[in-house]
C-alpha atoms as a PDB file:
ATOM      1  CA  UNK A   1      98.177  96.499  82.843  1.00  0.00           C
ATOM      2  CA  UNK A   2     101.316  97.922  84.251  1.00  0.00           C
ATOM      3  CA  UNK A   3     103.838  94.912  83.779  1.00  0.00           C
ATOM      4  CA  UNK A   4     105.722  95.548  87.129  1.00  0.00           C
ATOM      5  CA  UNK A   5     103.775  94.421  90.207  1.00  0.00           C
ATOM      6  CA  UNK A   6     101.868  97.191  91.951  1.00  0.00           C
ATOM      7  CA  UNK A   7     100.449  97.233  95.406  1.00  0.00           C
ATOM      8  CA  UNK A   8      96.843  97.380  94.238  1.00  0.00           C
ATOM      9  CA  UNK A   9      97.081  94.085  92.367  1.00  0.00           C
ATOM     10  CA  UNK A  10      95.600  91.922  95.019  1.00  0.00           C
ATOM     11  CA  UNK A  11      92.603  94.120  95.477  1.00  0.00           C
ATOM     12  CA  UNK A  12      91.515  94.151  91.605  1.00  0.00           C
ATOM     13  CA  UNK A  13      89.080  91.596  90.254  1.00  0.00           C
ATOM     14  CA  UNK A  14      89.515  90.006  86.832  1.00  0.00           C
ATOM     15  CA  UNK A  15      86.735  92.226  85.653  1.00  0.00           C
ATOM     16  CA  UNK A  16      88.561  95.228  86.873  1.00  0.00           C
ATOM     17  CA  UNK A  17      91.763  94.184  84.973  1.00  0.00           C
ATOM     18  CA  UNK A  18      89.791  93.706  81.844  1.00  0.00           C
ATOM     19  CA  UNK A  19      88.009  97.094  82.003  1.00  0.00           C
ATOM     20  CA  UNK A  20      91.526  98.754  82.815  1.00  0.00           C
ATOM     21  CA  UNK A  21      93.079  97.147  79.700  1.00  0.00           C
ATOM     22  CA  UNK A  22      90.199  98.035  77.348  1.00  0.00           C
ATOM     23  CA  UNK A  23      89.628 101.520  78.664  1.00  0.00           C
ATOM     24  CA  UNK A  24      92.997 103.204  78.212  1.00  0.00           C
ATOM     25  CA  UNK A  25      93.193 104.584  81.566  1.00  0.00           C
ATOM     26  CA  UNK A  26      96.645 104.844  83.569  1.00  0.00           C
ATOM     27  CA  UNK A  27      98.576 106.641  80.842  1.00  0.00           C
ATOM     28  CA  UNK A  28     101.493 108.850  81.801  1.00  0.00           C
ATOM     29  CA  UNK A  29     100.845 112.556  82.137  1.00  0.00           C
ATOM     30  CA  UNK A  30     104.497 113.289  82.726  1.00  0.00           C
ATOM     31  CA  UNK A  31     106.527 115.979  84.384  1.00  0.00           C
ATOM     32  CA  UNK A  32     106.528 119.627  83.638  1.00  0.00           C
ATOM     33  CA  UNK A  33     109.553 121.918  84.045  1.00  0.00           C
ATOM     34  CA  UNK A  34     108.725 123.945  87.160  1.00  0.00           C
ATOM     35  CA  UNK A  35     108.160 121.693  89.899  1.00  0.00           C
ATOM     36  CA  UNK A  36     107.261 122.176  93.691  1.00  0.00           C
ATOM     37  CA  UNK A  37     107.266 119.350  96.423  1.00  0.00           C
ATOM     38  CA  UNK A  38     104.159 119.338  98.712  1.00  0.00           C
ATOM     39  CA  UNK A  39     104.274 117.611 102.166  1.00  0.00           C
ATOM     40  CA  UNK A  40     100.608 116.811 103.373  1.00  0.00           C
ATOM     41  CA  UNK A  41      99.832 116.414 106.832  1.00  0.00           C
ATOM     42  CA  UNK A  42     103.012 114.528 107.837  1.00  0.00           C
ATOM     43  CA  UNK A  43     102.301 115.280 111.522  1.00  0.00           C
ATOM     44  CA  UNK A  44     102.904 113.263 114.712  1.00  0.00           C
ATOM     45  CA  UNK A  45      99.112 112.595 115.152  1.00  0.00           C
ATOM     46  CA  UNK A  46      99.188 110.829 111.839  1.00  0.00           C
ATOM     47  CA  UNK A  47     102.571 109.205 112.044  1.00  0.00           C
ATOM     48  CA  UNK A  48     103.003 108.659 116.033  1.00  0.00           C
ATOM     49  CA  UNK A  49     106.113 109.424 117.758  1.00  0.00           C
ATOM     50  CA  UNK A  50     107.918 106.621 116.159  1.00  0.00           C
ATOM     51  CA  UNK A  51     107.246 103.390 114.252  1.00  0.00           C
ATOM     52  CA  UNK A  52     104.751 101.153 116.015  1.00  0.00           C
ATOM     53  CA  UNK A  53     101.899  98.941 115.348  1.00  0.00           C
ATOM     54  CA  UNK A  54      98.827 100.723 114.154  1.00  0.00           C
ATOM     55  CA  UNK A  55      96.623  99.315 117.048  1.00  0.00           C
ATOM     56  CA  UNK A  56      99.168 100.418 119.699  1.00  0.00           C
ATOM     57  CA  UNK A  57      99.557 103.808 118.137  1.00  0.00           C
ATOM     58  CA  UNK A  58      95.713 104.479 118.088  1.00  0.00           C
ATOM     59  CA  UNK A  59      95.702 104.459 121.949  1.00  0.00           C
ATOM     60  CA  UNK A  60      97.539 107.723 121.729  1.00  0.00           C
ATOM     61  CA  UNK A  61      96.442 109.284 118.395  1.00  0.00           C
ATOM     62  CA  UNK A  62      93.186 108.214 116.907  1.00  0.00           C
ATOM     63  CA  UNK A  63      94.518 109.417 113.427  1.00  0.00           C
ATOM     64  CA  UNK A  64      97.528 107.041 113.820  1.00  0.00           C
ATOM     65  CA  UNK A  65      98.598 105.358 110.309  1.00  0.00           C
ATOM     66  CA  UNK A  66     100.701 102.783 111.496  1.00  0.00           C
ATOM     67  CA  UNK A  67     104.613 102.013 110.741  1.00  0.00           C
ATOM     68  CA  UNK A  68     103.911 102.710 107.128  1.00  0.00           C
ATOM     69  CA  UNK A  69     103.971 106.402 107.956  1.00  0.00           C
ATOM     70  CA  UNK A  70     107.558 106.434 109.082  1.00  0.00           C
ATOM     71  CA  UNK A  71     108.523 104.347 106.152  1.00  0.00           C
ATOM     72  CA  UNK A  72     107.120 107.002 104.017  1.00  0.00           C
ATOM     73  CA  UNK A  73     108.861 109.703 105.758  1.00  0.00           C
ATOM     74  CA  UNK A  74     112.227 108.250 104.919  1.00  0.00           C
ATOM     75  CA  UNK A  75     111.309 108.408 101.171  1.00  0.00           C
ATOM     76  CA  UNK A  76     109.814 112.056 101.643  1.00  0.00           C
ATOM     77  CA  UNK A  77     113.153 113.146 103.383  1.00  0.00           C
ATOM     78  CA  UNK A  78     115.191 111.997 100.313  1.00  0.00           C
ATOM     79  CA  UNK A  79     112.959 114.208  98.111  1.00  0.00           C
ATOM     80  CA  UNK A  80     113.088 116.985 100.360  1.00  0.00           C
ATOM     81  CA  UNK A  81     116.890 117.193 100.397  1.00  0.00           C
ATOM     82  CA  UNK A  82     117.014 117.083  96.525  1.00  0.00           C
ATOM     83  CA  UNK A  83     114.287 119.830  96.498  1.00  0.00           C
ATOM     84  CA  UNK A  84     116.442 121.976  98.868  1.00  0.00           C
ATOM     85  CA  UNK A  85     119.525 121.454  96.943  1.00  0.00           C
ATOM     86  CA  UNK A  86     117.721 122.702  93.694  1.00  0.00           C
ATOM     87  CA  UNK A  87     115.942 125.763  95.633  1.00  0.00           C
ATOM     88  CA  UNK A  88     112.433 124.404  94.653  1.00  0.00           C
ATOM     89  CA  UNK A  89     109.232 125.467  96.259  1.00  0.00           C
ATOM     90  CA  UNK A  90     108.356 123.476  99.325  1.00  0.00           C
ATOM     91  CA  UNK A  91     104.880 123.393 100.773  1.00  0.00           C
ATOM     92  CA  UNK A  92     103.552 121.740 103.734  1.00  0.00           C
ATOM     93  CA  UNK A  93     100.008 121.628 105.242  1.00  0.00           C
ATOM     94  CA  UNK A  94      99.250 121.901 108.810  1.00  0.00           C
ATOM     95  CA  UNK A  95      95.959 120.286 109.815  1.00  0.00           C
ATOM     96  CA  UNK A  96      95.151 121.470 113.169  1.00  0.00           C
ATOM     97  CA  UNK A  97      92.058 122.854 114.908  1.00  0.00           C
ATOM     98  CA  UNK A  98      91.168 125.583 117.679  1.00  0.00           C
ATOM     99  CA  UNK A  99      90.520 124.104 121.001  1.00  0.00           C
ATOM    100  CA  UNK A 100      86.736 124.268 120.793  1.00  0.00           C
ATOM    101  CA  UNK A 101      86.691 122.584 117.369  1.00  0.00           C
ATOM    102  CA  UNK A 102      84.295 125.337 115.864  1.00  0.00           C
ATOM    103  CA  UNK A 103      86.517 125.484 112.939  1.00  0.00           C
ATOM    104  CA  UNK A 104      85.786 121.956 111.987  1.00  0.00           C
ATOM    105  CA  UNK A 105      82.316 122.321 110.921  1.00  0.00           C
ATOM    106  CA  UNK A 106      80.521 119.086 109.901  1.00  0.00           C
ATOM    107  CA  UNK A 107      83.605 117.198 110.521  1.00  0.00           C
ATOM    108  CA  UNK A 108      82.911 117.248 114.327  1.00  0.00           C
ATOM    109  CA  UNK A 109      79.782 115.010 113.727  1.00  0.00           C
ATOM    110  CA  UNK A 110      81.610 112.703 111.179  1.00  0.00           C
ATOM    111  CA  UNK A 111      85.318 112.241 111.931  1.00  0.00           C
ATOM    112  CA  UNK A 112      85.887 113.749 115.312  1.00  0.00           C
ATOM    113  CA  UNK A 113      85.347 111.541 118.484  1.00  0.00           C
ATOM    114  CA  UNK A 114      84.729 113.561 121.552  1.00  0.00           C
ATOM    115  CA  UNK A 115      87.224 116.206 122.677  1.00  0.00           C
ATOM    116  CA  UNK A 116      90.083 115.604 120.237  1.00  0.00           C
ATOM    117  CA  UNK A 117      93.116 116.844 122.074  1.00  0.00           C
ATOM    118  CA  UNK A 118      95.481 115.431 119.384  1.00  0.00           C
ATOM    119  CA  UNK A 119      94.177 117.868 116.718  1.00  0.00           C
ATOM    120  CA  UNK A 120      94.679 121.163 118.535  1.00  0.00           C
ATOM    121  CA  UNK A 121      96.949 123.702 116.749  1.00  0.00           C
ATOM    122  CA  UNK A 122     100.064 124.750 118.473  1.00  0.00           C
ATOM    123  CA  UNK A 123     100.580 121.254 120.047  1.00  0.00           C
ATOM    124  CA  UNK A 124     103.171 118.550 119.580  1.00  0.00           C
ATOM    125  CA  UNK A 125     100.457 116.290 117.946  1.00  0.00           C
ATOM    126  CA  UNK A 126      99.921 118.680 114.987  1.00  0.00           C
ATOM    127  CA  UNK A 127     103.613 119.335 114.358  1.00  0.00           C
ATOM    128  CA  UNK A 128     105.413 118.352 111.284  1.00  0.00           C
ATOM    129  CA  UNK A 129     107.648 115.235 112.250  1.00  0.00           C
ATOM    130  CA  UNK A 130     111.232 116.419 112.995  1.00  0.00           C
ATOM    131  CA  UNK A 131     113.061 114.799 109.965  1.00  0.00           C
ATOM    132  CA  UNK A 132     110.765 116.935 107.626  1.00  0.00           C
ATOM    133  CA  UNK A 133     110.683 120.114 109.791  1.00  0.00           C
ATOM    134  CA  UNK A 134     109.760 123.107 107.608  1.00  0.00           C
ATOM    135  CA  UNK A 135     112.428 125.921 107.220  1.00  0.00           C
ATOM    136  CA  UNK A 136     111.673 129.748 107.321  1.00  0.00           C
ATOM    137  CA  UNK A 137     111.793 129.779 103.539  1.00  0.00           C
ATOM    138  CA  UNK A 138     109.189 127.152 102.997  1.00  0.00           C
ATOM    139  CA  UNK A 139     105.383 127.652 102.771  1.00  0.00           C
ATOM    140  CA  UNK A 140     102.949 126.354 105.614  1.00  0.00           C
ATOM    141  CA  UNK A 141      99.432 126.211 104.646  1.00  0.00           C
ATOM    142  CA  UNK A 142      96.853 125.735 107.324  1.00  0.00           C
ATOM    143  CA  UNK A 143      93.958 123.872 106.352  1.00  0.00           C
ATOM    144  CA  UNK A 144      90.492 122.866 107.738  1.00  0.00           C
ATOM    145  CA  UNK A 145      89.149 120.563 104.825  1.00  0.00           C
ATOM    146  CA  UNK A 146      90.775 117.887 102.803  1.00  0.00           C
ATOM    147  CA  UNK A 147      92.048 119.673  99.769  1.00  0.00           C
ATOM    148  CA  UNK A 148      94.716 122.229 100.306  1.00  0.00           C
ATOM    149  CA  UNK A 149      93.179 124.196  97.477  1.00  0.00           C
ATOM    150  CA  UNK A 150      89.876 124.793  99.647  1.00  0.00           C
ATOM    151  CA  UNK A 151      89.765 127.961 101.515  1.00  0.00           C
ATOM    152  CA  UNK A 152      93.697 128.850 101.351  1.00  0.00           C
ATOM    153  CA  UNK A 153      96.229 130.792  99.605  1.00  0.00           C
ATOM    154  CA  UNK A 154      97.624 127.749  98.016  1.00  0.00           C
ATOM    155  CA  UNK A 155      96.727 128.431  94.406  1.00  0.00           C
ATOM    156  CA  UNK A 156      97.587 132.083  94.695  1.00  0.00           C
ATOM    157  CA  UNK A 157     101.237 130.936  95.750  1.00  0.00           C
ATOM    158  CA  UNK A 158     101.594 128.448  93.036  1.00  0.00           C
ATOM    159  CA  UNK A 159     100.655 131.207  90.476  1.00  0.00           C
ATOM    160  CA  UNK A 160     103.194 133.525  91.836  1.00  0.00           C
ATOM    161  CA  UNK A 161     105.798 130.895  91.944  1.00  0.00           C
ATOM    162  CA  UNK A 162     104.840 129.813  88.331  1.00  0.00           C
ATOM    163  CA  UNK A 163     104.569 126.155  89.260  1.00  0.00           C
ATOM    164  CA  UNK A 164     103.534 123.555  86.715  1.00  0.00           C
ATOM    165  CA  UNK A 165     104.213 120.237  88.471  1.00  0.00           C
ATOM    166  CA  UNK A 166     103.217 119.346  91.874  1.00  0.00           C
ATOM    167  CA  UNK A 167     104.856 116.420  93.534  1.00  0.00           C
ATOM    168  CA  UNK A 168     102.429 115.458  96.356  1.00  0.00           C
ATOM    169  CA  UNK A 169     103.572 113.180  99.333  1.00  0.00           C
ATOM    170  CA  UNK A 170     102.077 112.558 102.779  1.00  0.00           C
ATOM    171  CA  UNK A 171      98.484 111.185 103.973  1.00  0.00           C
ATOM    172  CA  UNK A 172      96.106 110.235 104.010  1.00  0.00           C
ATOM    173  CA  UNK A 173      95.820 108.628 100.481  1.00  0.00           C
ATOM    174  CA  UNK A 174      92.212 108.292 100.525  1.00  0.00           C
ATOM    175  CA  UNK A 175      91.574 111.669 102.217  1.00  0.00           C
ATOM    176  CA  UNK A 176      93.630 114.902 102.024  1.00  0.00           C
ATOM    177  CA  UNK A 177      96.294 113.517  99.474  1.00  0.00           C
ATOM    178  CA  UNK A 178      93.461 112.261  96.967  1.00  0.00           C
ATOM    179  CA  UNK A 179      91.481 115.408  97.424  1.00  0.00           C
ATOM    180  CA  UNK A 180      94.494 117.804  96.815  1.00  0.00           C
ATOM    181  CA  UNK A 181      95.457 115.626  93.720  1.00  0.00           C
ATOM    182  CA  UNK A 182      92.074 115.808  92.108  1.00  0.00           C
ATOM    183  CA  UNK A 183      92.037 119.544  92.687  1.00  0.00           C
ATOM    184  CA  UNK A 184      95.598 119.798  91.335  1.00  0.00           C
ATOM    185  CA  UNK A 185      94.470 117.877  88.000  1.00  0.00           C
ATOM    186  CA  UNK A 186      91.493 120.129  87.865  1.00  0.00           C
ATOM    187  CA  UNK A 187      93.640 123.127  87.811  1.00  0.00           C
ATOM    188  CA  UNK A 188      95.863 121.452  85.113  1.00  0.00           C
ATOM    189  CA  UNK A 189      98.860 120.872  87.169  1.00  0.00           C
ATOM    190  CA  UNK A 190     101.045 117.959  86.276  1.00  0.00           C
ATOM    191  CA  UNK A 191     100.444 115.723  89.389  1.00  0.00           C
ATOM    192  CA  UNK A 192     102.947 113.256  90.531  1.00  0.00           C
ATOM    193  CA  UNK A 193     102.610 111.005  93.646  1.00  0.00           C
ATOM    194  CA  UNK A 194     105.802 109.218  94.485  1.00  0.00           C
ATOM    195  CA  UNK A 195     104.297 105.724  95.527  1.00  0.00           C
ATOM    196  CA  UNK A 196     106.421 105.069  98.545  1.00  0.00           C
ATOM    197  CA  UNK A 197     105.852 108.458  99.941  1.00  0.00           C
ATOM    198  CA  UNK A 198     102.002 108.166 100.365  1.00  0.00           C
ATOM    199  CA  UNK A 199     100.363 106.379 103.394  1.00  0.00           C
ATOM    200  CA  UNK A 200      96.962 105.616 105.021  1.00  0.00           C
ATOM    201  CA  UNK A 201      95.548 103.717 107.992  1.00  0.00           C
ATOM    202  CA  UNK A 202      93.624 101.299 105.874  1.00  0.00           C
ATOM    203  CA  UNK A 203      95.391  99.135 103.488  1.00  0.00           C
ATOM    204  CA  UNK A 204      92.483  98.648 101.077  1.00  0.00           C
ATOM    205  CA  UNK A 205      91.877 102.522 101.007  1.00  0.00           C
ATOM    206  CA  UNK A 206      95.497 103.236 100.434  1.00  0.00           C
ATOM    207  CA  UNK A 207      95.767 100.687  97.523  1.00  0.00           C
ATOM    208  CA  UNK A 208      92.533 101.448  95.516  1.00  0.00           C
ATOM    209  CA  UNK A 209      92.978 105.184  95.978  1.00  0.00           C
ATOM    210  CA  UNK A 210      96.322 105.006  94.502  1.00  0.00           C
ATOM    211  CA  UNK A 211      95.092 102.759  91.830  1.00  0.00           C
ATOM    212  CA  UNK A 212      92.191 105.203  90.985  1.00  0.00           C
ATOM    213  CA  UNK A 213      94.401 108.252  90.985  1.00  0.00           C
ATOM    214  CA  UNK A 214      96.834 106.638  88.801  1.00  0.00           C
ATOM    215  CA  UNK A 215      93.970 105.751  86.359  1.00  0.00           C
ATOM    216  CA  UNK A 216      92.692 109.171  86.048  1.00  0.00           C
ATOM    217  CA  UNK A 217      94.536 112.262  87.889  1.00  0.00           C
ATOM    218  CA  UNK A 218      98.053 111.568  88.786  1.00  0.00           C
ATOM    219  CA  UNK A 219     101.214 109.783  87.877  1.00  0.00           C
ATOM    220  CA  UNK A 220     101.722 107.301  90.701  1.00  0.00           C
ATOM    221  CA  UNK A 221     105.346 106.243  90.161  1.00  0.00           C
ATOM    222  CA  UNK A 222     108.300 104.983  92.080  1.00  0.00           C
ATOM    223  CA  UNK A 223     110.183 107.415  94.304  1.00  0.00           C
ATOM    224  CA  UNK A 224     113.394 106.585  92.428  1.00  0.00           C
ATOM    225  CA  UNK A 225     112.164 108.007  89.259  1.00  0.00           C
ATOM    226  CA  UNK A 226     110.802 111.283  90.923  1.00  0.00           C
ATOM    227  CA  UNK A 227     114.353 111.501  92.523  1.00  0.00           C
ATOM    228  CA  UNK A 228     116.013 111.226  89.110  1.00  0.00           C
ATOM    229  CA  UNK A 229     113.713 113.881  87.774  1.00  0.00           C
ATOM    230  CA  UNK A 230     114.483 116.224  90.610  1.00  0.00           C
ATOM    231  CA  UNK A 231     118.179 115.633  90.265  1.00  0.00           C
ATOM    232  CA  UNK A 232     117.998 116.515  86.682  1.00  0.00           C
ATOM    233  CA  UNK A 233     116.257 119.910  87.258  1.00  0.00           C
ATOM    234  CA  UNK A 234     118.233 123.150  87.056  1.00  0.00           C
ATOM    235  CA  UNK A 235     118.528 124.861  90.241  1.00  0.00           C
ATOM    236  CA  UNK A 236     115.814 127.578  90.535  1.00  0.00           C
ATOM    237  CA  UNK A 237     116.721 131.330  91.159  1.00  0.00           C
ATOM    238  CA  UNK A 238     115.745 132.853  94.301  1.00  0.00           C
ATOM    239  CA  UNK A 239     112.075 133.928  94.584  1.00  0.00           C
ATOM    240  CA  UNK A 240     111.951 137.900  94.869  1.00  0.00           C
END
């Protein structure tokens, strides 16, 4: 096992630890040389309007993720500033729906509860939180399913920009971040998740999904390490 304490340690059984040690999972994939920063669903309906207890926040936003969301925002903002300094591609997702929810498909029966006013496109609830607000040169990807690769122009943009490393931040760890990470790995991108920048509403889901992603699909590493990598990256030329 990794010698430093990890947030998933308390959820692992002794058998899990033995299997991990014997199987060789969790090796570092490393960074490439052409990174992009990706901010997934860091919207008011997931973060709330400010740090608050999750049970209080759920009264306003059913998708609320608790105070951990705003703690993650601070770490994402640090990486965002570095990415802007280096003129790196910055992607955002906007997870929002039309008012009649017909673009949600089967999600209406599984995840939505009645008329979901806090998922409607063009509202405050589905806007990226102010500290991370996109700029005109950034890439905003609208999506309706967990993976940002599904049914979007995301892959086409990554090809055009010649990206080889995706730094994934945001939420939820067990949902859209995980789905996008698995697809990124499947498309042979170096996939990096700065540990403190990911969040979820369920503590167990958050920890175990980070563990599993780190085992097989991504490097789940400290934000400090990612910041050092970005600081050392050469500035990128302007995209034509």
